[in-house]
Amino acid sequence: MLLSPLDYAAVAFFLFGWFAYHLLVERSPFGRLALNNRMNEYRLRWMLEMQARDARIVDAALMATLQSGTSFFASTSLLALGGSLTLLRGADDALRILNDFPLGTVASRTLWDLKVVGLVVIFGYAFFKFAWSYRLFNYASILIGATPAAKSGRPDQRRLTALRAAEMNIVAGRHFNRGQRAFFFALAYLGWFVGPIVLMGTTAVVVFAILVRQFSSDALRAVSLELPPEDQVPEPQGPGTRSAILPEAR
């Protein structure tokens, strides 16, 4: 057998972790509390505010920032893809190193090539997600430009186009998040090059880390912050200090 039963179990655990996280954040009712979905509310608010102003220089600058970040990750995924392909050439040296690891179980060139192909697939998936996200942000920019001015006298058309721009922005952000998720799970996948037990461990660590960021992070508390009474607003604090607004922030 090319893969041992433990390898099959580790790969199944890896795929289950990825798919279960996807369902939890994007498909389940509990996912509405996640940071990504909370930010979607602000994407909608942004477009509703955009359609109420005539000068949209700030909106254009924000869209350019989103596109540049997406372009950076798309380029990075291509570099990672190329680096993964080079692992096929240095397989013999890598096998000698990994076979000396206490948990290393890589025994054949064929198994090594199979693992590298899996890594290539992950980075290829990430590239397509980032590339499509970049295109969708471009579409959202066009919809922003097509939104009638506040003084145009067409409030229904203006609001409809703004809502379309918001939905396009949300979809673009969703694909961007999926591309980043592929990067995170690629880090977990690297554990398989050492051994199946390491793959299960790295998968558990990555899933735990991204769940904490989505459901119990400083960023989530920041976007969920309620406005305190004016007489209770704390004084601004310097860098490196804990937030007085978010006492539980760490």
Protein backbone atom coordinates (compact mmCIF):
# COMPACT_ATOMS: atom_id res chain seq x y z
CA MET A 1 0.00 0.00 0.00
CA LEU A 2 1.27 3.46 -0.92
CA LEU A 3 -0.45 5.01 2.12
CA SER A 4 -0.67 3.40 5.52
CA PRO A 5 -3.94 3.32 7.47
CA LEU A 6 -2.53 6.06 9.68
CA ASP A 7 -1.89 8.21 6.60
CA TYR A 8 -5.48 7.74 5.48
CA ALA A 9 -6.71 8.70 8.93
CA ALA A 10 -4.50 11.80 9.03
CA VAL A 11 -5.59 12.99 5.58
CA ALA A 12 -9.24 12.36 6.48
CA PHE A 13 -8.78 14.38 9.67
CA PHE A 14 -7.16 17.20 7.68
CA LEU A 15 -9.98 17.32 5.13
CA PHE A 16 -12.62 17.06 7.86
CA GLY A 17 -11.08 19.99 9.73
CA TRP A 18 -11.06 22.16 6.62
CA PHE A 19 -14.60 21.25 5.56
CA ALA A 20 -16.04 21.48 9.08
CA TYR A 21 -14.54 24.93 9.56
CA HIS A 22 -16.00 26.02 6.24
CA LEU A 23 -19.47 24.81 7.24
CA LEU A 24 -19.26 26.38 10.67
CA VAL A 25 -18.19 29.83 9.51
CA GLU A 26 -20.04 30.13 6.22
CA ARG A 27 -23.06 27.82 6.40
CA SER A 28 -24.20 27.40 9.98
CA PRO A 29 -26.37 29.86 11.96
CA PHE A 30 -23.56 30.09 14.52
CA GLY A 31 -21.32 31.46 11.78
CA ARG A 32 -23.22 34.75 11.88
CA LEU A 33 -21.26 35.55 15.02
CA ALA A 34 -17.93 35.05 13.26
CA LEU A 35 -15.64 37.99 12.57
CA ASN A 36 -15.86 37.58 8.79
CA ASN A 37 -19.64 37.78 8.80
CA ARG A 38 -19.68 40.70 11.20
CA MET A 39 -17.42 42.56 8.79
CA ASN A 40 -19.91 41.85 6.00
CA GLU A 41 -22.37 44.05 7.90
CA TYR A 42 -19.87 46.89 7.68
CA ARG A 43 -19.34 46.29 3.99
CA LEU A 44 -23.07 46.85 3.56
CA ARG A 45 -23.01 49.97 5.74
CA TRP A 46 -20.06 51.25 3.73
CA MET A 47 -21.95 51.03 0.44
CA LEU A 48 -25.06 52.64 1.94
CA GLU A 49 -22.93 55.53 3.18
CA MET A 50 -21.20 55.70 -0.21
CA GLN A 51 -24.46 56.19 -2.12
CA ALA A 52 -25.33 59.18 0.07
CA ARG A 53 -22.28 61.23 -0.93
CA ASP A 54 -21.25 62.72 -4.25
CA ALA A 55 -17.47 62.83 -3.69
CA ARG A 56 -16.35 59.20 -3.56
CA ILE A 57 -12.60 59.62 -3.49
CA VAL A 58 -12.37 57.82 -0.15
CA ASP A 59 -14.36 54.87 -1.51
CA ALA A 60 -12.09 54.61 -4.55
CA ALA A 61 -9.01 54.67 -2.31
CA LEU A 62 -10.43 51.93 -0.09
CA MET A 63 -11.22 49.73 -3.09
CA ALA A 64 -7.70 50.25 -4.43
CA THR A 65 -6.33 49.12 -1.06
CA LEU A 66 -8.46 45.96 -1.13
CA GLN A 67 -7.37 45.18 -4.68
CA SER A 68 -3.68 45.71 -3.93
CA GLY A 69 -3.85 43.37 -0.92
CA THR A 70 -5.60 40.72 -3.00
CA SER A 71 -3.04 41.11 -5.78
CA PHE A 72 -0.23 40.62 -3.26
CA PHE A 73 -1.68 37.35 -2.02
CA ALA A 74 -2.33 36.14 -5.57
CA SER A 75 1.32 36.77 -6.43
CA THR A 76 2.44 35.09 -3.20
CA SER A 77 0.37 31.99 -3.99
CA LEU A 78 2.07 31.74 -7.38
CA LEU A 79 5.47 31.93 -5.72
CA ALA A 80 4.41 29.26 -3.23
CA LEU A 81 3.13 27.16 -6.12
CA GLY A 82 6.48 27.42 -7.89
CA GLY A 83 8.33 26.61 -4.67
CA SER A 84 6.20 23.53 -4.18
CA LEU A 85 7.04 22.30 -7.66
CA THR A 86 10.75 22.64 -6.94
CA LEU A 87 10.30 20.16 -4.08
CA LEU A 88 9.94 17.49 -6.73
CA ARG A 89 13.51 18.11 -7.87
CA GLY A 90 15.04 17.98 -4.40
CA ALA A 91 13.13 14.92 -3.29
CA ASP A 92 16.15 12.69 -2.64
CA ASP A 93 17.85 15.12 -0.26
CA ALA A 94 14.56 15.88 1.53
CA LEU A 95 13.81 12.18 1.97
CA ARG A 96 17.14 11.57 3.65
CA ILE A 97 16.46 14.39 6.11
CA LEU A 98 12.87 13.50 6.89
CA ASN A 99 13.57 9.81 7.37
CA ASP A 100 15.85 10.77 10.27
CA PHE A 101 12.96 12.46 12.11
CA PRO A 102 11.53 10.45 15.04
CA LEU A 103 8.01 10.61 13.58
CA GLY A 104 9.09 10.54 9.94
CA THR A 105 7.44 7.83 7.86
CA VAL A 106 8.37 8.93 4.34
CA ALA A 107 9.78 5.80 2.75
CA SER A 108 9.46 6.21 -1.01
CA ARG A 109 9.87 8.77 -3.74
CA THR A 110 6.34 8.06 -4.94
CA LEU A 111 4.82 8.93 -1.56
CA TRP A 112 6.88 12.13 -1.45
CA ASP A 113 5.67 13.14 -4.90
CA LEU A 114 2.08 12.45 -3.85
CA LYS A 115 2.43 14.76 -0.85
CA VAL A 116 3.98 17.50 -2.98
CA VAL A 117 1.14 17.24 -5.50
CA GLY A 118 -1.32 17.77 -2.66
CA LEU A 119 0.56 20.91 -1.61
CA VAL A 120 0.52 22.14 -5.23
CA VAL A 121 -3.25 21.62 -5.34
CA ILE A 122 -3.74 23.69 -2.19
CA PHE A 123 -1.68 26.63 -3.45
CA GLY A 124 -3.33 26.37 -6.86
CA TYR A 125 -6.72 26.58 -5.18
CA ALA A 126 -5.54 29.62 -3.22
CA PHE A 127 -4.35 31.35 -6.39
CA PHE A 128 -7.69 30.90 -8.13
CA LYS A 129 -9.53 32.23 -5.09
CA PHE A 130 -7.33 35.31 -4.83
CA ALA A 131 -7.43 35.94 -8.58
CA TRP A 132 -11.22 35.70 -8.63
CA SER A 133 -11.47 37.90 -5.55
CA TYR A 134 -9.33 40.53 -7.29
CA ARG A 135 -11.68 40.45 -10.26
CA LEU A 136 -14.74 40.76 -8.02
CA PHE A 137 -13.28 43.77 -6.23
CA ASN A 138 -12.81 45.27 -9.69
CA TYR A 139 -16.50 44.64 -10.41
CA ALA A 140 -17.43 46.25 -7.10
CA SER A 141 -15.42 49.33 -8.08
CA ILE A 142 -17.37 49.53 -11.34
CA LEU A 143 -20.65 49.31 -9.44
CA ILE A 144 -19.51 52.10 -7.14
CA GLY A 145 -18.74 54.22 -10.19
CA ALA A 146 -22.15 53.37 -11.65
CA THR A 147 -24.03 54.45 -8.51
CA PRO A 148 -25.96 57.65 -9.28
CA ALA A 149 -24.96 60.78 -7.41
CA ALA A 150 -26.88 61.77 -4.30
CA LYS A 151 -28.32 64.81 -6.10
CA SER A 152 -29.33 62.88 -9.22
CA GLY A 153 -32.96 62.58 -8.16
CA ARG A 154 -32.99 58.78 -8.59
CA PRO A 155 -32.98 57.46 -5.01
CA ASP A 156 -34.34 54.00 -5.85
CA GLN A 157 -31.77 53.37 -8.58
CA ARG A 158 -29.01 54.77 -6.36
CA ARG A 159 -29.89 52.50 -3.45
CA LEU A 160 -30.28 49.44 -5.69
CA THR A 161 -26.86 49.92 -7.27
CA ALA A 162 -25.31 50.51 -3.84
CA LEU A 163 -26.82 47.25 -2.57
CA ARG A 164 -25.44 45.43 -5.61
CA ALA A 165 -22.02 46.92 -4.94
CA ALA A 166 -22.27 45.78 -1.32
CA GLU A 167 -23.17 42.24 -2.32
CA MET A 168 -20.31 42.14 -4.84
CA ASN A 169 -17.95 43.41 -2.15
CA ILE A 170 -19.14 40.71 0.26
CA VAL A 171 -18.68 37.96 -2.34
CA ALA A 172 -15.18 39.24 -3.14
CA GLY A 173 -14.31 39.23 0.54
CA ARG A 174 -15.65 35.69 0.91
CA HIS A 175 -13.37 34.37 -1.84
CA PHE A 176 -10.44 36.28 -0.37
CA ASN A 177 -11.09 34.65 3.01
CA ARG A 178 -11.17 31.23 1.37
CA GLY A 179 -7.81 31.89 -0.25
CA GLN A 180 -6.31 32.88 3.10
CA ARG A 181 -7.86 29.79 4.66
CA ALA A 182 -6.02 27.68 2.09
CA PHE A 183 -2.76 29.31 3.19
CA PHE A 184 -3.47 28.44 6.82
CA PHE A 185 -4.28 24.83 6.01
CA ALA A 186 -1.21 24.61 3.78
CA LEU A 187 0.83 25.23 6.92
CA ALA A 188 -1.01 22.36 8.59
CA TYR A 189 -0.47 20.16 5.52
CA LEU A 190 3.30 20.59 5.83
CA GLY A 191 3.12 18.40 8.91
CA TRP A 192 2.40 15.40 6.69
CA PHE A 193 5.91 15.65 5.24
CA VAL A 194 7.15 14.67 8.70
CA GLY A 195 4.48 12.08 9.40
CA PRO A 196 0.74 11.45 9.72
CA ILE A 197 0.72 12.03 13.48
CA VAL A 198 2.30 15.44 12.94
CA LEU A 199 -0.31 16.21 10.27
CA MET A 200 -3.12 15.58 12.74
CA GLY A 201 -1.41 17.74 15.33
CA THR A 202 -0.75 20.67 13.00
CA THR A 203 -4.31 20.46 11.65
CA ALA A 204 -5.72 20.67 15.18
CA VAL A 205 -3.50 23.66 15.99
CA VAL A 206 -4.46 25.55 12.83
CA VAL A 207 -8.19 24.90 13.27
CA PHE A 208 -8.02 26.02 16.90
CA ALA A 209 -6.08 29.18 16.00
CA ILE A 210 -8.45 30.33 13.25
CA LEU A 211 -11.53 29.50 15.35
CA VAL A 212 -10.20 31.69 18.14
CA ARG A 213 -9.65 34.53 15.67
CA GLN A 214 -13.19 34.22 14.34
CA PHE A 215 -15.11 33.79 17.59
CA SER A 216 -12.96 35.03 20.48
CA SER A 217 -10.49 37.68 19.37
CA ASP A 218 -9.76 41.32 20.05
CA ALA A 219 -10.84 42.13 16.50
CA LEU A 220 -14.28 40.59 17.06
CA ARG A 221 -14.71 42.50 20.30
CA ALA A 222 -13.69 45.68 18.49
CA VAL A 223 -16.39 45.39 15.80
CA SER A 224 -18.94 44.35 18.45
CA LEU A 225 -18.20 47.31 20.67
CA GLU A 226 -21.23 49.24 21.94
CA LEU A 227 -21.08 53.00 22.38
CA PRO A 228 -20.64 53.85 26.08
CA PRO A 229 -22.21 56.94 27.68
CA GLU A 230 -20.32 60.13 26.91
CA ASP A 231 -19.32 60.60 30.53
CA GLN A 232 -17.75 57.13 30.58
CA VAL A 233 -15.62 57.34 27.43
CA PRO A 234 -12.03 56.58 28.54
CA GLU A 235 -9.04 58.67 27.65
CA PRO A 236 -6.91 57.49 24.71
CA GLN A 237 -4.10 55.19 25.75
CA GLY A 238 -0.61 54.87 24.42
CA PRO A 239 0.71 51.97 22.38
CA GLY A 240 1.35 48.74 24.19
CA THR A 241 -1.32 49.27 26.85
CA ARG A 242 -4.53 47.33 27.34
CA SER A 243 -7.74 48.84 26.04
CA ALA A 244 -9.96 50.54 28.60
CA ILE A 245 -12.91 50.17 26.22
CA LEU A 246 -12.28 46.45 25.80
CA PRO A 247 -11.20 45.32 29.27
CA GLU A 248 -10.92 41.70 28.17
CA ALA A 249 -8.65 42.48 25.22
CA ARG A 250 -5.36 40.67 25.26
